């Protein structure tokens, strides 16, 4: 396992130290677990963003929506049924 340095506020470090002591765990183990949980929650988003061009399509759709360039749901359904 490699070493990494992170900067966190002292108050948060003290809270982490207290939790680690209470749970009889190493601070490192808690942080690694938190990183794993964070990545797992975002895995689907990361997979979708790895699809070539999808992010650009999402941004374009968002711009169209903001500019009220929308299609009635009935028209969208008809298009999907084709």
N, C-alpha and C. Protein backbone atom coordinates (compact mmCIF):
# COMPACT_ATOMS: atom_id res chain seq x y z
N UNK A 1 0.86 -1.18 0.00
CA UNK A 1 0.00 0.00 0.00
C UNK A 1 0.90 1.23 0.00
N UNK A 2 0.52 2.21 -0.81
CA UNK A 2 1.30 3.44 -0.90
C UNK A 2 0.89 4.44 0.18
N UNK A 3 1.76 5.40 0.41
CA UNK A 3 1.49 6.45 1.37
C UNK A 3 1.01 7.69 0.64
N UNK A 4 -0.01 8.34 1.19
CA UNK A 4 -0.52 9.60 0.63
C UNK A 4 -0.70 10.57 1.79
N UNK A 5 -0.47 11.82 1.52
CA UNK A 5 -0.66 12.85 2.53
C UNK A 5 -1.89 13.66 2.18
N UNK A 6 -2.75 13.85 3.17
CA UNK A 6 -3.93 14.69 2.96
C UNK A 6 -3.95 15.77 4.03
N UNK A 7 -4.53 16.88 3.69
CA UNK A 7 -4.66 17.98 4.65
C UNK A 7 -6.12 18.06 5.07
N UNK A 8 -6.33 17.95 6.37
CA UNK A 8 -7.69 18.09 6.91
C UNK A 8 -7.63 19.03 8.11
N UNK A 9 -8.73 19.71 8.37
CA UNK A 9 -8.75 20.59 9.54
C UNK A 9 -8.49 19.80 10.82
N UNK A 10 -7.83 20.44 11.75
CA UNK A 10 -7.46 19.78 13.00
C UNK A 10 -8.68 19.22 13.72
N UNK A 11 -9.78 19.96 13.70
CA UNK A 11 -10.99 19.51 14.39
C UNK A 11 -11.48 18.18 13.80
N UNK A 12 -11.44 18.06 12.48
CA UNK A 12 -11.87 16.81 11.84
C UNK A 12 -10.90 15.68 12.15
N UNK A 13 -9.63 15.98 12.20
CA UNK A 13 -8.63 14.97 12.54
C UNK A 13 -8.87 14.47 13.96
N UNK A 14 -9.18 15.39 14.86
CA UNK A 14 -9.45 14.99 16.25
C UNK A 14 -10.71 14.13 16.35
N UNK A 15 -11.73 14.47 15.56
CA UNK A 15 -12.94 13.64 15.55
C UNK A 15 -12.64 12.25 15.01
N UNK A 16 -11.87 12.19 13.93
CA UNK A 16 -11.49 10.90 13.35
C UNK A 16 -10.70 10.08 14.35
N UNK A 17 -9.79 10.73 15.04
CA UNK A 17 -8.99 10.05 16.06
C UNK A 17 -9.88 9.49 17.17
N UNK A 18 -10.88 10.27 17.58
CA UNK A 18 -11.81 9.83 18.63
C UNK A 18 -12.63 8.64 18.16
N UNK A 19 -13.14 8.71 16.93
CA UNK A 19 -13.93 7.60 16.39
C UNK A 19 -13.07 6.35 16.27
N UNK A 20 -11.85 6.50 15.78
CA UNK A 20 -10.94 5.36 15.65
C UNK A 20 -10.68 4.72 17.00
N UNK A 21 -10.48 5.54 18.01
CA UNK A 21 -10.24 5.02 19.35
C UNK A 21 -11.47 4.30 19.89
N UNK A 22 -12.63 4.91 19.68
CA UNK A 22 -13.89 4.33 20.16
C UNK A 22 -14.16 2.98 19.49
N UNK A 23 -13.88 2.90 18.19
CA UNK A 23 -14.15 1.67 17.44
C UNK A 23 -12.95 0.72 17.42
N UNK A 24 -11.88 1.10 18.11
CA UNK A 24 -10.66 0.29 18.16
C UNK A 24 -10.15 -0.04 16.76
N UNK A 25 -10.10 1.00 15.92
CA UNK A 25 -9.62 0.85 14.54
C UNK A 25 -8.52 1.87 14.29
N UNK A 26 -7.75 1.62 13.24
CA UNK A 26 -6.75 2.59 12.82
C UNK A 26 -7.43 3.67 11.99
N UNK A 27 -6.94 4.91 12.11
CA UNK A 27 -7.50 6.00 11.31
C UNK A 27 -7.37 5.68 9.83
N UNK A 28 -6.26 5.09 9.43
CA UNK A 28 -6.04 4.72 8.04
C UNK A 28 -7.14 3.79 7.53
N UNK A 29 -7.49 2.79 8.33
CA UNK A 29 -8.52 1.83 7.92
C UNK A 29 -9.87 2.52 7.73
N UNK A 30 -10.18 3.45 8.59
CA UNK A 30 -11.44 4.19 8.47
C UNK A 30 -11.45 5.01 7.18
N UNK A 31 -10.35 5.69 6.90
CA UNK A 31 -10.27 6.53 5.70
C UNK A 31 -10.34 5.68 4.44
N UNK A 32 -9.63 4.56 4.40
CA UNK A 32 -9.69 3.67 3.23
C UNK A 32 -11.11 3.17 3.02
N UNK A 33 -11.80 2.81 4.10
CA UNK A 33 -13.18 2.35 4.01
C UNK A 33 -14.09 3.47 3.48
N UNK A 34 -13.88 4.68 3.96
CA UNK A 34 -14.69 5.81 3.49
C UNK A 34 -14.46 6.07 2.00
N UNK A 35 -13.23 5.96 1.55
CA UNK A 35 -12.93 6.14 0.12
C UNK A 35 -13.63 5.06 -0.70
N UNK A 36 -13.57 3.82 -0.24
CA UNK A 36 -14.25 2.72 -0.95
C UNK A 36 -15.75 2.99 -1.07
N UNK A 37 -16.37 3.42 0.03
CA UNK A 37 -17.80 3.72 0.02
C UNK A 37 -18.12 4.87 -0.93
N UNK A 38 -17.31 5.90 -0.91
CA UNK A 38 -17.50 7.07 -1.77
C UNK A 38 -17.45 6.67 -3.24
N UNK A 39 -16.44 5.89 -3.60
CA UNK A 39 -16.28 5.46 -4.99
C UNK A 39 -17.43 4.53 -5.40
N UNK A 40 -17.83 3.62 -4.53
CA UNK A 40 -18.92 2.70 -4.84
C UNK A 40 -20.22 3.46 -5.13
N UNK A 41 -20.48 4.52 -4.35
CA UNK A 41 -21.71 5.30 -4.56
C UNK A 41 -21.68 6.02 -5.90
N UNK A 42 -20.50 6.29 -6.41
CA UNK A 42 -20.38 7.03 -7.67
C UNK A 42 -20.00 6.16 -8.86
N UNK A 43 -19.92 4.87 -8.64
CA UNK A 43 -19.48 3.95 -9.69
C UNK A 43 -20.35 4.04 -10.94
N UNK A 44 -21.66 4.05 -10.77
CA UNK A 44 -22.56 4.12 -11.93
C UNK A 44 -22.33 5.40 -12.72
N UNK A 45 -22.18 6.51 -12.01
CA UNK A 45 -21.92 7.79 -12.70
C UNK A 45 -20.60 7.73 -13.45
N UNK A 46 -19.58 7.16 -12.83
CA UNK A 46 -18.27 7.05 -13.49
C UNK A 46 -18.36 6.17 -14.73
N UNK A 47 -19.14 5.08 -14.64
CA UNK A 47 -19.30 4.20 -15.80
C UNK A 47 -20.01 4.93 -16.93
N UNK A 48 -21.06 5.68 -16.59
CA UNK A 48 -21.79 6.42 -17.62
C UNK A 48 -20.91 7.48 -18.26
N UNK A 49 -20.13 8.18 -17.45
CA UNK A 49 -19.27 9.23 -17.99
C UNK A 49 -18.13 8.69 -18.84
N UNK A 50 -17.85 7.39 -18.73
CA UNK A 50 -16.81 6.80 -19.56
C UNK A 50 -17.32 6.47 -20.96
N UNK A 51 -18.64 6.58 -21.18
CA UNK A 51 -19.20 6.35 -22.52
C UNK A 51 -18.81 7.55 -23.39
N UNK A 52 -18.12 7.30 -24.50
CA UNK A 52 -17.66 8.41 -25.35
C UNK A 52 -18.81 9.31 -25.81
N UNK A 53 -18.66 10.60 -25.60
CA UNK A 53 -19.64 11.58 -26.06
C UNK A 53 -20.84 11.79 -25.17
N UNK A 54 -21.03 10.93 -24.17
CA UNK A 54 -22.23 11.06 -23.34
C UNK A 54 -22.25 12.35 -22.55
N UNK A 55 -21.13 12.74 -21.99
CA UNK A 55 -21.09 13.98 -21.20
C UNK A 55 -21.46 15.18 -22.06
N UNK A 56 -20.96 15.22 -23.29
CA UNK A 56 -21.32 16.32 -24.19
C UNK A 56 -22.81 16.32 -24.51
N UNK A 57 -23.39 15.13 -24.69
CA UNK A 57 -24.83 15.03 -24.95
C UNK A 57 -25.63 15.52 -23.75
N UNK A 58 -25.20 15.17 -22.56
CA UNK A 58 -25.90 15.60 -21.35
C UNK A 58 -25.84 17.12 -21.23
N UNK A 59 -24.67 17.69 -21.48
CA UNK A 59 -24.53 19.15 -21.41
C UNK A 59 -25.41 19.84 -22.45
N UNK A 60 -25.44 19.30 -23.67
CA UNK A 60 -26.28 19.88 -24.72
C UNK A 60 -27.75 19.79 -24.34
N UNK A 61 -28.16 18.67 -23.80
CA UNK A 61 -29.55 18.50 -23.37
C UNK A 61 -29.90 19.48 -22.27
N UNK A 62 -28.97 19.68 -21.35
CA UNK A 62 -29.20 20.63 -20.26
C UNK A 62 -29.38 22.05 -20.79
N UNK A 63 -28.54 22.43 -21.77
CA UNK A 63 -28.68 23.76 -22.39
C UNK A 63 -30.03 23.90 -23.08
N UNK A 64 -30.43 22.87 -23.82
CA UNK A 64 -31.72 22.90 -24.51
C UNK A 64 -32.86 23.06 -23.51
N UNK A 65 -32.77 22.34 -22.42
CA UNK A 65 -33.82 22.42 -21.40
C UNK A 65 -33.89 23.83 -20.80
N UNK A 66 -32.72 24.40 -20.50
CA UNK A 66 -32.69 25.76 -19.95
C UNK A 66 -33.29 26.77 -20.92
N UNK A 67 -33.11 26.53 -22.22
CA UNK A 67 -33.64 27.45 -23.23
C UNK A 67 -35.05 27.05 -23.68
N UNK A 68 -35.65 26.15 -22.90
CA UNK A 68 -37.03 25.72 -23.15
C UNK A 68 -37.21 25.06 -24.52
N UNK A 69 -36.18 24.44 -25.02
CA UNK A 69 -36.28 23.69 -26.27
C UNK A 69 -36.67 22.26 -25.93
N UNK A 70 -37.92 22.09 -25.55
CA UNK A 70 -38.39 20.78 -25.10
C UNK A 70 -39.39 20.21 -26.09
N UNK A 71 -39.70 18.93 -25.91
CA UNK A 71 -40.64 18.21 -26.76
C UNK A 71 -41.73 17.66 -25.86
N UNK A 72 -43.00 17.77 -26.27
CA UNK A 72 -44.07 17.19 -25.45
C UNK A 72 -43.85 15.69 -25.27
N UNK A 73 -44.24 15.17 -24.13
CA UNK A 73 -44.01 13.75 -23.82
C UNK A 73 -44.70 12.85 -24.83
N UNK A 74 -45.85 13.27 -25.33
CA UNK A 74 -46.56 12.44 -26.32
C UNK A 74 -45.72 12.30 -27.59
N UNK A 75 -45.07 13.37 -28.02
CA UNK A 75 -44.20 13.30 -29.20
C UNK A 75 -42.99 12.41 -28.94
N UNK A 76 -42.43 12.51 -27.75
CA UNK A 76 -41.28 11.68 -27.40
C UNK A 76 -41.66 10.21 -27.40
N UNK A 77 -42.84 9.89 -26.87
CA UNK A 77 -43.30 8.49 -26.85
C UNK A 77 -43.48 7.97 -28.27
N UNK A 78 -44.08 8.78 -29.13
CA UNK A 78 -44.29 8.37 -30.53
C UNK A 78 -42.95 8.07 -31.20
N UNK A 79 -41.97 8.92 -30.94
CA UNK A 79 -40.65 8.73 -31.54
C UNK A 79 -40.00 7.44 -31.04
N UNK A 80 -40.19 7.14 -29.75
CA UNK A 80 -39.61 5.92 -29.18
C UNK A 80 -40.29 4.66 -29.70
N UNK A 81 -41.58 4.77 -30.03
CA UNK A 81 -42.33 3.61 -30.50
C UNK A 81 -41.95 3.22 -31.92
N UNK A 82 -41.32 4.11 -32.66
CA UNK A 82 -40.94 3.80 -34.05
C UNK A 82 -39.88 2.76 -34.13
